[in-house]
PDB file of N, CA and C in Angstrom:
ATOM      1  N   MET A   1       0.812  -1.198   0.000  1.00  0.00           N
ATOM      2  CA  MET A   1       0.000   0.000   0.000  1.00  0.00           C
ATOM      3  C   MET A   1       0.854   1.260   0.000  1.00  0.00           C
ATOM      4  N   LEU A   2       2.007   1.174   0.615  1.00  0.00           N
ATOM      5  CA  LEU A   2       2.862   2.353   0.694  1.00  0.00           C
ATOM      6  C   LEU A   2       3.318   2.839  -0.683  1.00  0.00           C
ATOM      7  N   PRO A   3       3.756   1.959  -1.588  1.00  0.00           N
ATOM      8  CA  PRO A   3       4.155   2.450  -2.910  1.00  0.00           C
ATOM      9  C   PRO A   3       3.008   3.136  -3.655  1.00  0.00           C
ATOM     10  N   VAL A   4       1.789   2.625  -3.489  1.00  0.00           N
ATOM     11  CA  VAL A   4       0.635   3.255  -4.143  1.00  0.00           C
ATOM     12  C   VAL A   4       0.410   4.637  -3.551  1.00  0.00           C
ATOM     13  N   ALA A   5       0.495   4.750  -2.231  1.00  0.00           N
ATOM     14  CA  ALA A   5       0.309   6.048  -1.573  1.00  0.00           C
ATOM     15  C   ALA A   5       1.367   7.046  -2.044  1.00  0.00           C
ATOM     16  N   VAL A   6       2.596   6.594  -2.177  1.00  0.00           N
ATOM     17  CA  VAL A   6       3.662   7.483  -2.641  1.00  0.00           C
ATOM     18  C   VAL A   6       3.394   7.901  -4.086  1.00  0.00           C
ATOM     19  N   ALA A   7       2.982   6.942  -4.922  1.00  0.00           N
ATOM     20  CA  ALA A   7       2.723   7.245  -6.334  1.00  0.00           C
ATOM     21  C   ALA A   7       1.562   8.222  -6.501  1.00  0.00           C
ATOM     22  N   LEU A   8       0.596   8.198  -5.592  1.00  0.00           N
ATOM     23  CA  LEU A   8      -0.580   9.072  -5.701  1.00  0.00           C
ATOM     24  C   LEU A   8      -0.403  10.399  -4.971  1.00  0.00           C
ATOM     25  N   ARG A   9       0.755  10.601  -4.381  1.00  0.00           N
ATOM     26  CA  ARG A   9       1.021  11.856  -3.677  1.00  0.00           C
ATOM     27  C   ARG A   9       0.909  13.032  -4.635  1.00  0.00           C
ATOM     28  N   GLY A  10       0.243  14.062  -4.215  1.00  0.00           N
ATOM     29  CA  GLY A  10       0.104  15.248  -5.033  1.00  0.00           C
ATOM     30  C   GLY A  10      -1.066  15.206  -6.005  1.00  0.00           C
ATOM     31  N   THR A  11      -1.828  14.113  -5.996  1.00  0.00           N
ATOM     32  CA  THR A  11      -2.968  14.016  -6.913  1.00  0.00           C
ATOM     33  C   THR A  11      -4.215  14.699  -6.362  1.00  0.00           C
ATOM     34  N   GLY A  12      -4.222  14.957  -5.056  1.00  0.00           N
ATOM     35  CA  GLY A  12      -5.384  15.576  -4.441  1.00  0.00           C
ATOM     36  C   GLY A  12      -6.466  14.576  -4.064  1.00  0.00           C
ATOM     37  N   LEU A  13      -6.210  13.293  -4.249  1.00  0.00           N
ATOM     38  CA  LEU A  13      -7.193  12.280  -3.880  1.00  0.00           C
ATOM     39  C   LEU A  13      -7.302  12.182  -2.361  1.00  0.00           C
ATOM     40  N   SER A  14      -8.487  11.840  -1.880  1.00  0.00           N
ATOM     41  CA  SER A  14      -8.694  11.728  -0.434  1.00  0.00           C
ATOM     42  C   SER A  14      -7.940  10.520   0.114  1.00  0.00           C
ATOM     43  N   ARG A  15      -7.750  10.515   1.413  1.00  0.00           N
ATOM     44  CA  ARG A  15      -7.045   9.384   2.032  1.00  0.00           C
ATOM     45  C   ARG A  15      -7.832   8.092   1.865  1.00  0.00           C
ATOM     46  N   TRP A  16      -9.175   8.190   1.789  1.00  0.00           N
ATOM     47  CA  TRP A  16     -10.008   6.998   1.576  1.00  0.00           C
ATOM     48  C   TRP A  16      -9.770   6.415   0.191  1.00  0.00           C
ATOM     49  N   THR A  17      -9.632   7.273  -0.802  1.00  0.00           N
ATOM     50  CA  THR A  17      -9.372   6.813  -2.164  1.00  0.00           C
ATOM     51  C   THR A  17      -7.988   6.185  -2.254  1.00  0.00           C
ATOM     52  N   VAL A  18      -7.008   6.818  -1.649  1.00  0.00           N
ATOM     53  CA  VAL A  18      -5.650   6.278  -1.672  1.00  0.00           C
ATOM     54  C   VAL A  18      -5.605   4.919  -0.965  1.00  0.00           C
ATOM     55  N   ALA A  19      -6.277   4.803   0.167  1.00  0.00           N
ATOM     56  CA  ALA A  19      -6.314   3.526   0.888  1.00  0.00           C
ATOM     57  C   ALA A  19      -7.023   2.454   0.059  1.00  0.00           C
ATOM     58  N   TYR A  20      -8.125   2.816  -0.580  1.00  0.00           N
ATOM     59  CA  TYR A  20      -8.868   1.865  -1.412  1.00  0.00           C
ATOM     60  C   TYR A  20      -8.003   1.381  -2.579  1.00  0.00           C
ATOM     61  N   LEU A  21      -7.356   2.313  -3.263  1.00  0.00           N
ATOM     62  CA  LEU A  21      -6.501   1.939  -4.388  1.00  0.00           C
ATOM     63  C   LEU A  21      -5.287   1.137  -3.921  1.00  0.00           C
ATOM     64  N   GLY A  22      -4.773   1.465  -2.761  1.00  0.00           N
ATOM     65  CA  GLY A  22      -3.644   0.711  -2.225  1.00  0.00           C
ATOM     66  C   GLY A  22      -4.021  -0.713  -1.868  1.00  0.00           C
ATOM     67  N   TRP A  23      -5.217  -0.885  -1.301  1.00  0.00           N
ATOM     68  CA  TRP A  23      -5.662  -2.221  -0.899  1.00  0.00           C
ATOM     69  C   TRP A  23      -6.001  -3.095  -2.107  1.00  0.00           C
ATOM     70  N   PHE A  24      -6.721  -2.529  -3.071  1.00  0.00           N
ATOM     71  CA  PHE A  24      -7.169  -3.327  -4.202  1.00  0.00           C
ATOM     72  C   PHE A  24      -6.302  -3.144  -5.447  1.00  0.00           C
ATOM     73  N   GLY A  25      -5.264  -2.353  -5.341  1.00  0.00           N
ATOM     74  CA  GLY A  25      -4.428  -2.065  -6.506  1.00  0.00           C
ATOM     75  C   GLY A  25      -3.537  -3.216  -6.917  1.00  0.00           C
ATOM     76  N   PRO A  26      -2.247  -2.988  -6.958  1.00  0.00           N
ATOM     77  CA  PRO A  26      -1.317  -4.001  -7.467  1.00  0.00           C
ATOM     78  C   PRO A  26      -1.437  -5.334  -6.730  1.00  0.00           C
ATOM     79  N   ARG A  27      -1.312  -6.378  -7.490  1.00  0.00           N
ATOM     80  CA  ARG A  27      -1.376  -7.721  -6.922  1.00  0.00           C
ATOM     81  C   ARG A  27       0.015  -8.345  -6.885  1.00  0.00           C
ATOM     82  N   GLY A  28       0.081  -9.589  -6.503  1.00  0.00           N
ATOM     83  CA  GLY A  28       1.352 -10.249  -6.280  1.00  0.00           C
ATOM     84  C   GLY A  28       1.985 -10.910  -7.478  1.00  0.00           C
ATOM     85  N   LEU A  29       1.479 -10.672  -8.676  1.00  0.00           N
ATOM     86  CA  LEU A  29       2.069 -11.308  -9.850  1.00  0.00           C
ATOM     87  C   LEU A  29       3.544 -10.951  -9.981  1.00  0.00           C
ATOM     88  N   ALA A  30       3.890  -9.707  -9.734  1.00  0.00           N
ATOM     89  CA  ALA A  30       5.291  -9.295  -9.813  1.00  0.00           C
ATOM     90  C   ALA A  30       6.135 -10.055  -8.791  1.00  0.00           C
ATOM     91  N   SER A  31       5.594 -10.298  -7.621  1.00  0.00           N
ATOM     92  CA  SER A  31       6.338 -11.039  -6.593  1.00  0.00           C
ATOM     93  C   SER A  31       6.631 -12.459  -7.060  1.00  0.00           C
ATOM     94  N   ILE A  32       5.634 -13.103  -7.658  1.00  0.00           N
ATOM     95  CA  ILE A  32       5.839 -14.467  -8.156  1.00  0.00           C
ATOM     96  C   ILE A  32       6.878 -14.466  -9.273  1.00  0.00           C
ATOM     97  N   LEU A  33       6.775 -13.500 -10.180  1.00  0.00           N
ATOM     98  CA  LEU A  33       7.743 -13.432 -11.279  1.00  0.00           C
ATOM     99  C   LEU A  33       9.159 -13.202 -10.758  1.00  0.00           C
ATOM    100  N   LEU A  34       9.309 -12.323  -9.778  1.00  0.00           N
ATOM    101  CA  LEU A  34      10.635 -12.077  -9.217  1.00  0.00           C
ATOM    102  C   LEU A  34      11.187 -13.329  -8.533  1.00  0.00           C
ATOM    103  N   ALA A  35      10.332 -14.075  -7.846  1.00  0.00           N
ATOM    104  CA  ALA A  35      10.787 -15.321  -7.220  1.00  0.00           C
ATOM    105  C   ALA A  35      11.189 -16.336  -8.282  1.00  0.00           C
ATOM    106  N   LEU A  36      10.429 -16.417  -9.373  1.00  0.00           N
ATOM    107  CA  LEU A  36      10.790 -17.322 -10.462  1.00  0.00           C
ATOM    108  C   LEU A  36      12.108 -16.913 -11.117  1.00  0.00           C
ATOM    109  N   ILE A  37      12.288 -15.627 -11.329  1.00  0.00           N
ATOM    110  CA  ILE A  37      13.551 -15.142 -11.900  1.00  0.00           C
ATOM    111  C   ILE A  37      14.711 -15.520 -10.986  1.00  0.00           C
ATOM    112  N   LEU A  38      14.521 -15.362  -9.694  1.00  0.00           N
ATOM    113  CA  LEU A  38      15.552 -15.743  -8.734  1.00  0.00           C
ATOM    114  C   LEU A  38      15.905 -17.216  -8.893  1.00  0.00           C
ATOM    115  N   LEU A  39      14.900 -18.070  -8.995  1.00  0.00           N
ATOM    116  CA  LEU A  39      15.157 -19.508  -9.108  1.00  0.00           C
ATOM    117  C   LEU A  39      15.793 -19.878 -10.440  1.00  0.00           C
ATOM    118  N   VAL A  40      15.405 -19.198 -11.501  1.00  0.00           N
ATOM    119  CA  VAL A  40      15.970 -19.506 -12.823  1.00  0.00           C
ATOM    120  C   VAL A  40      17.406 -18.995 -12.926  1.00  0.00           C
ATOM    121  N   GLU A  41      17.633 -17.770 -12.481  1.00  0.00           N
ATOM    122  CA  GLU A  41      18.965 -17.169 -12.586  1.00  0.00           C
ATOM    123  C   GLU A  41      19.961 -17.749 -11.582  1.00  0.00           C
ATOM    124  N   HIS A  42      19.470 -18.158 -10.432  1.00  0.00           N
ATOM    125  CA  HIS A  42      20.345 -18.675  -9.364  1.00  0.00           C
ATOM    126  C   HIS A  42      19.727 -19.961  -8.798  1.00  0.00           C
ATOM    127  N   PRO A  43      19.743 -21.051  -9.576  1.00  0.00           N
ATOM    128  CA  PRO A  43      19.067 -22.276  -9.135  1.00  0.00           C
ATOM    129  C   PRO A  43      19.695 -22.909  -7.890  1.00  0.00           C
ATOM    130  N   ASP A  44      20.953 -22.607  -7.610  1.00  0.00           N
ATOM    131  CA  ASP A  44      21.631 -23.218  -6.458  1.00  0.00           C
ATOM    132  C   ASP A  44      21.594 -22.354  -5.211  1.00  0.00           C
ATOM    133  N   ILE A  45      20.823 -21.269  -5.230  1.00  0.00           N
ATOM    134  CA  ILE A  45      20.785 -20.386  -4.070  1.00  0.00           C
ATOM    135  C   ILE A  45      20.162 -21.135  -2.882  1.00  0.00           C
ATOM    136  N   PRO A  46      20.798 -21.066  -1.737  1.00  0.00           N
ATOM    137  CA  PRO A  46      20.237 -21.765  -0.573  1.00  0.00           C
ATOM    138  C   PRO A  46      18.879 -21.178  -0.186  1.00  0.00           C
ATOM    139  N   GLY A  47      17.915 -22.051  -0.001  1.00  0.00           N
ATOM    140  CA  GLY A  47      16.586 -21.615   0.417  1.00  0.00           C
ATOM    141  C   GLY A  47      15.744 -21.050  -0.700  1.00  0.00           C
ATOM    142  N   GLY A  48      16.172 -21.160  -1.939  1.00  0.00           N
ATOM    143  CA  GLY A  48      15.424 -20.605  -3.072  1.00  0.00           C
ATOM    144  C   GLY A  48      14.028 -21.190  -3.198  1.00  0.00           C
ATOM    145  N   GLY A  49      13.923 -22.486  -3.029  1.00  0.00           N
ATOM    146  CA  GLY A  49      12.609 -23.141  -3.101  1.00  0.00           C
ATOM    147  C   GLY A  49      11.682 -22.654  -2.002  1.00  0.00           C
ATOM    148  N   GLU A  50      12.235 -22.503  -0.814  1.00  0.00           N
ATOM    149  CA  GLU A  50      11.424 -22.022   0.316  1.00  0.00           C
ATOM    150  C   GLU A  50      10.962 -20.590   0.082  1.00  0.00           C
ATOM    151  N   VAL A  51      11.839 -19.774  -0.490  1.00  0.00           N
ATOM    152  CA  VAL A  51      11.459 -18.387  -0.802  1.00  0.00           C
ATOM    153  C   VAL A  51      10.271 -18.388  -1.763  1.00  0.00           C
ATOM    154  N   PHE A  52      10.342 -19.227  -2.802  1.00  0.00           N
ATOM    155  CA  PHE A  52       9.239 -19.275  -3.765  1.00  0.00           C
ATOM    156  C   PHE A  52       7.952 -19.737  -3.101  1.00  0.00           C
ATOM    157  N   VAL A  53       8.015 -20.740  -2.252  1.00  0.00           N
ATOM    158  CA  VAL A  53       6.812 -21.237  -1.571  1.00  0.00           C
ATOM    159  C   VAL A  53       6.212 -20.147  -0.689  1.00  0.00           C
ATOM    160  N   VAL A  54       7.048 -19.444   0.054  1.00  0.00           N
ATOM    161  CA  VAL A  54       6.548 -18.366   0.920  1.00  0.00           C
ATOM    162  C   VAL A  54       5.882 -17.272   0.081  1.00  0.00           C
ATOM    163  N   VAL A  55       6.514 -16.887  -1.032  1.00  0.00           N
ATOM    164  CA  VAL A  55       5.934 -15.864  -1.910  1.00  0.00           C
ATOM    165  C   VAL A  55       4.599 -16.349  -2.468  1.00  0.00           C
ATOM    166  N   ALA A  56       4.553 -17.575  -2.960  1.00  0.00           N
ATOM    167  CA  ALA A  56       3.331 -18.108  -3.558  1.00  0.00           C
ATOM    168  C   ALA A  56       2.199 -18.198  -2.535  1.00  0.00           C
ATOM    169  N   VAL A  57       2.488 -18.666  -1.332  1.00  0.00           N
ATOM    170  CA  VAL A  57       1.457 -18.766  -0.291  1.00  0.00           C
ATOM    171  C   VAL A  57       0.983 -17.374   0.122  1.00  0.00           C
ATOM    172  N   THR A  58       1.901 -16.434   0.237  1.00  0.00           N
ATOM    173  CA  THR A  58       1.529 -15.061   0.590  1.00  0.00           C
ATOM    174  C   THR A  58       0.619 -14.451  -0.468  1.00  0.00           C
ATOM    175  N   VAL A  59       0.962 -14.645  -1.741  1.00  0.00           N
ATOM    176  CA  VAL A  59       0.140 -14.101  -2.818  1.00  0.00           C
ATOM    177  C   VAL A  59      -1.223 -14.784  -2.837  1.00  0.00           C
ATOM    178  N   LEU A  60      -1.262 -16.092  -2.651  1.00  0.00           N
ATOM    179  CA  LEU A  60      -2.540 -16.814  -2.620  1.00  0.00           C
ATOM    180  C   LEU A  60      -3.417 -16.325  -1.468  1.00  0.00           C
ATOM    181  N   ALA A  61      -2.819 -16.153  -0.288  1.00  0.00           N
ATOM    182  CA  ALA A  61      -3.581 -15.628   0.853  1.00  0.00           C
ATOM    183  C   ALA A  61      -4.091 -14.222   0.560  1.00  0.00           C
ATOM    184  N   SER A  62      -3.277 -13.428  -0.115  1.00  0.00           N
ATOM    185  CA  SER A  62      -3.676 -12.071  -0.479  1.00  0.00           C
ATOM    186  C   SER A  62      -4.873 -12.085  -1.426  1.00  0.00           C
ATOM    187  N   VAL A  63      -4.850 -12.987  -2.386  1.00  0.00           N
ATOM    188  CA  VAL A  63      -5.970 -13.083  -3.332  1.00  0.00           C
ATOM    189  C   VAL A  63      -7.264 -13.408  -2.595  1.00  0.00           C
ATOM    190  N   PHE A  64      -7.208 -14.373  -1.684  1.00  0.00           N
ATOM    191  CA  PHE A  64      -8.405 -14.721  -0.916  1.00  0.00           C
ATOM    192  C   PHE A  64      -8.856 -13.574  -0.020  1.00  0.00           C
ATOM    193  N   LEU A  65      -7.917 -12.922   0.644  1.00  0.00           N
ATOM    194  CA  LEU A  65      -8.251 -11.809   1.531  1.00  0.00           C
ATOM    195  C   LEU A  65      -8.867 -10.647   0.759  1.00  0.00           C
ATOM    196  N   HIS A  66      -8.285 -10.313  -0.386  1.00  0.00           N
ATOM    197  CA  HIS A  66      -8.838  -9.229  -1.191  1.00  0.00           C
ATOM    198  C   HIS A  66     -10.211  -9.603  -1.744  1.00  0.00           C
ATOM    199  N   GLY A  67     -10.374 -10.852  -2.123  1.00  0.00           N
ATOM    200  CA  GLY A  67     -11.678 -11.300  -2.616  1.00  0.00           C
ATOM    201  C   GLY A  67     -12.740 -11.233  -1.538  1.00  0.00           C
ATOM    202  N   ALA A  68     -12.383 -11.618  -0.329  1.00  0.00           N
ATOM    203  CA  ALA A  68     -13.345 -11.611   0.777  1.00  0.00           C
ATOM    204  C   ALA A  68     -13.737 -10.197   1.199  1.00  0.00           C
ATOM    205  N   THR A  69     -12.847  -9.239   0.994  1.00  0.00           N
ATOM    206  CA  THR A  69     -13.129  -7.871   1.425  1.00  0.00           C
ATOM    207  C   THR A  69     -13.634  -6.973   0.296  1.00  0.00           C
ATOM    208  N   ALA A  70     -13.697  -7.488  -0.917  1.00  0.00           N
ATOM    209  CA  ALA A  70     -14.055  -6.646  -2.066  1.00  0.00           C
ATOM    210  C   ALA A  70     -15.438  -6.020  -1.919  1.00  0.00           C
ATOM    211  N   ALA A  71     -16.450  -6.813  -1.668  1.00  0.00           N
ATOM    212  CA  ALA A  71     -17.821  -6.277  -1.601  1.00  0.00           C
ATOM    213  C   ALA A  71     -18.009  -5.309  -0.433  1.00  0.00           C
ATOM    214  N   PRO A  72     -17.639  -5.683   0.802  1.00  0.00           N
ATOM    215  CA  PRO A  72     -17.880  -4.741   1.898  1.00  0.00           C
ATOM    216  C   PRO A  72     -17.074  -3.447   1.790  1.00  0.00           C
ATOM    217  N   LEU A  73     -15.816  -3.548   1.396  1.00  0.00           N
ATOM    218  CA  LEU A  73     -15.014  -2.322   1.315  1.00  0.00           C
ATOM    219  C   LEU A  73     -15.408  -1.453   0.128  1.00  0.00           C
ATOM    220  N   THR A  74     -15.842  -2.064  -0.963  1.00  0.00           N
ATOM    221  CA  THR A  74     -16.309  -1.277  -2.099  1.00  0.00           C
ATOM    222  C   THR A  74     -17.597  -0.550  -1.744  1.00  0.00           C
ATOM    223  N   GLY A  75     -18.490  -1.217  -1.034  1.00  0.00           N
ATOM    224  CA  GLY A  75     -19.719  -0.560  -0.581  1.00  0.00           C
ATOM    225  C   GLY A  75     -19.425   0.610   0.344  1.00  0.00           C
ATOM    226  N   ARG A  76     -18.492   0.397   1.257  1.00  0.00           N
ATOM    227  CA  ARG A  76     -18.125   1.481   2.177  1.00  0.00           C
ATOM    228  C   ARG A  76     -17.489   2.646   1.431  1.00  0.00           C
ATOM    229  N   TYR A  77     -16.599   2.332   0.479  1.00  0.00           N
ATOM    230  CA  TYR A  77     -15.972   3.394  -0.301  1.00  0.00           C
ATOM    231  C   TYR A  77     -17.016   4.159  -1.114  1.00  0.00           C
ATOM    232  N   ALA A  78     -17.974   3.458  -1.677  1.00  0.00           N
ATOM    233  CA  ALA A  78     -19.031   4.123  -2.454  1.00  0.00           C
ATOM    234  C   ALA A  78     -19.809   5.096  -1.566  1.00  0.00           C
ATOM    235  N   ARG A  79     -20.118   4.677  -0.340  1.00  0.00           N
ATOM    236  CA  ARG A  79     -20.837   5.570   0.581  1.00  0.00           C
ATOM    237  C   ARG A  79     -19.976   6.779   0.947  1.00  0.00           C
ATOM    238  N   LEU A  80     -18.691   6.563   1.185  1.00  0.00           N
ATOM    239  CA  LEU A  80     -17.799   7.664   1.543  1.00  0.00           C
ATOM    240  C   LEU A  80     -17.570   8.614   0.367  1.00  0.00           C
ATOM    241  N   SER A  81     -17.531   8.078  -0.846  1.00  0.00           N
ATOM    242  CA  SER A  81     -17.264   8.933  -2.005  1.00  0.00           C
ATOM    243  C   SER A  81     -18.393   9.925  -2.249  1.00  0.00           C
ATOM    244  N   HIS A  82     -19.595   9.598  -1.803  1.00  0.00           N
ATOM    245  CA  HIS A  82     -20.708  10.533  -1.959  1.00  0.00           C
ATOM    246  C   HIS A  82     -20.572  11.731  -1.025  1.00  0.00           C
ATOM    247  N   LEU A  83     -19.707  11.614  -0.034  1.00  0.00           N
ATOM    248  CA  LEU A  83     -19.497  12.710   0.908  1.00  0.00           C
ATOM    249  C   LEU A  83     -18.472  13.721   0.402  1.00  0.00           C
ATOM    250  N   GLU A  84     -17.780  13.389  -0.678  1.00  0.00           N
ATOM    251  CA  GLU A  84     -16.755  14.276  -1.228  1.00  0.00           C
ATOM    252  C   GLU A  84     -17.384  15.556  -1.772  1.00  0.00           C
ATOM    253  N   ASP A  85     -16.633  16.632  -1.702  1.00  0.00           N
ATOM    254  CA  ASP A  85     -17.076  17.898  -2.285  1.00  0.00           C
ATOM    255  C   ASP A  85     -17.190  17.768  -3.797  1.00  0.00           C
ATOM    256  N   ALA A  86     -17.960  18.640  -4.397  1.00  0.00           N
ATOM    257  CA  ALA A  86     -18.152  18.610  -5.848  1.00  0.00           C
ATOM    258  C   ALA A  86     -16.852  18.876  -6.596  1.00  0.00           C
ATOM    259  N   ASP A  87     -15.920  19.597  -5.965  1.00  0.00           N
ATOM    260  CA  ASP A  87     -14.661  19.901  -6.648  1.00  0.00           C
ATOM    261  C   ASP A  87     -13.521  18.964  -6.227  1.00  0.00           C
ATOM    262  N   ALA A  88     -13.854  17.842  -5.574  1.00  0.00           N
ATOM    263  CA  ALA A  88     -12.835  16.875  -5.159  1.00  0.00           C
ATOM    264  C   ALA A  88     -12.189  16.225  -6.380  1.00  0.00           C
ATOM    265  N   ALA A  89     -10.944  15.816  -6.225  1.00  0.00           N
ATOM    266  CA  ALA A  89     -10.201  15.199  -7.328  1.00  0.00           C
ATOM    267  C   ALA A  89     -10.908  13.948  -7.849  1.00  0.00           C
ATOM    268  N   GLU A  90     -11.597  13.229  -6.964  1.00  0.00           N
ATOM    269  CA  GLU A  90     -12.307  12.022  -7.371  1.00  0.00           C
ATOM    270  C   GLU A  90     -13.454  12.315  -8.331  1.00  0.00           C
ATOM    271  N   ARG A  91     -13.949  13.522  -8.308  1.00  0.00           N
ATOM    272  CA  ARG A  91     -15.087  13.890  -9.152  1.00  0.00           C
ATOM    273  C   ARG A  91     -14.678  14.651 -10.421  1.00  0.00           C
ATOM    274  N   ALA A  92     -13.385  14.808 -10.632  1.00  0.00           N
ATOM    275  CA  ALA A  92     -12.909  15.527 -11.808  1.00  0.00           C
ATOM    276  C   ALA A  92     -13.242  14.742 -13.071  1.00  0.00           C
ATOM    277  N   GLU A  93     -13.602  15.469 -14.114  1.00  0.00           N
ATOM    278  CA  GLU A  93     -13.901  14.834 -15.385  1.00  0.00           C
ATOM    279  C   GLU A  93     -12.594  14.347 -16.010  1.00  0.00           C
ATOM    280  N   VAL A  94     -12.645  13.177 -16.582  1.00  0.00           N
ATOM    281  CA  VAL A  94     -11.461  12.572 -17.174  1.00  0.00           C
ATOM    282  C   VAL A  94     -11.605  12.563 -18.683  1.00  0.00           C
ATOM    283  N   ALA A  95     -10.559  12.990 -19.356  1.00  0.00           N
ATOM    284  CA  ALA A  95     -10.589  12.981 -20.820  1.00  0.00           C
ATOM    285  C   ALA A  95     -10.556  11.542 -21.323  1.00  0.00           C
ATOM    286  N   GLU A  96     -11.222  11.303 -22.430  1.00  0.00           N
ATOM    287  CA  GLU A  96     -11.235   9.965 -23.001  1.00  0.00           C
ATOM    288  C   GLU A  96      -9.841   9.630 -23.520  1.00  0.00           C
ATOM    289  N   ILE A  97      -9.423   8.406 -23.263  1.00  0.00           N
ATOM    290  CA  ILE A  97      -8.118   7.950 -23.726  1.00  0.00           C
ATOM    291  C   ILE A  97      -8.316   7.272 -25.081  1.00  0.00           C
ATOM    292  N   PRO A  98      -7.619   7.748 -26.122  1.00  0.00           N
ATOM    293  CA  PRO A  98      -7.780   7.100 -27.428  1.00  0.00           C
ATOM    294  C   PRO A  98      -7.264   5.674 -27.399  1.00  0.00           C
ATOM    295  N   ILE A  99      -7.997   4.799 -28.054  1.00  0.00           N
ATOM    296  CA  ILE A  99      -7.623   3.392 -28.105  1.00  0.00           C
ATOM    297  C   ILE A  99      -7.161   3.070 -29.519  1.00  0.00           C
ATOM    298  N   ARG A 100      -6.030   2.452 -29.617  1.00  0.00           N
ATOM    299  CA  ARG A 100      -5.507   2.086 -30.936  1.00  0.00           C
ATOM    300  C   ARG A 100      -6.213   0.830 -31.411  1.00  0.00           C
ATOM    301  N   SER A 101      -6.577   0.810 -32.665  1.00  0.00           N
ATOM    302  CA  SER A 101      -7.281  -0.343 -33.217  1.00  0.00           C
ATOM    303  C   SER A 101      -6.336  -1.402 -33.758  1.00  0.00           C
ATOM    304  N   GLY A 102      -5.056  -1.095 -33.827  1.00  0.00           N
ATOM    305  CA  GLY A 102      -4.102  -2.050 -34.351  1.00  0.00           C
ATOM    306  C   GLY A 102      -3.859  -1.870 -35.830  1.00  0.00           C
ATOM    307  N   ARG A 103      -4.673  -1.051 -36.469  1.00  0.00           N
ATOM    308  CA  ARG A 103      -4.478  -0.772 -37.898  1.00  0.00           C
ATOM    309  C   ARG A 103      -3.630   0.484 -38.054  1.00  0.00           C
ATOM    310  N   ASN A 104      -2.833   0.500 -39.086  1.00  0.00           N
ATOM    311  CA  ASN A 104      -2.055   1.730 -39.382  1.00  0.00           C
ATOM    312  C   ASN A 104      -2.987   2.801 -39.882  1.00  0.00           C
ATOM    313  N   ARG A 105      -2.776   3.998 -39.447  1.00  0.00           N
ATOM    314  CA  ARG A 105      -3.658   5.099 -39.869  1.00  0.00           C
ATOM    315  C   ARG A 105      -2.963   5.996 -40.815  1.00  0.00           C
TER     316      ARG A 105
END
């Protein structure tokens, strides 16, 4: 959650929005990939297998925990977001992002 909070610094988002994005934001896929890279690049590292198991179990527990809290915390965030001022950063209009169709233009 801390890296998300640091990345969102200066955006003007409320602490509730930052906490919500931090909790439901990045997942553990990067952690699993880094553990796999460690095992592939350094297969003889002592405890490498245990490191991967700990990372995998932690990520799996995180997935279940985030899944179990998704509905209640999203409902709470929705109720809190209605309390924001009309000029809050969360209510700012967002420009449409152009999507590339894959064809050369």
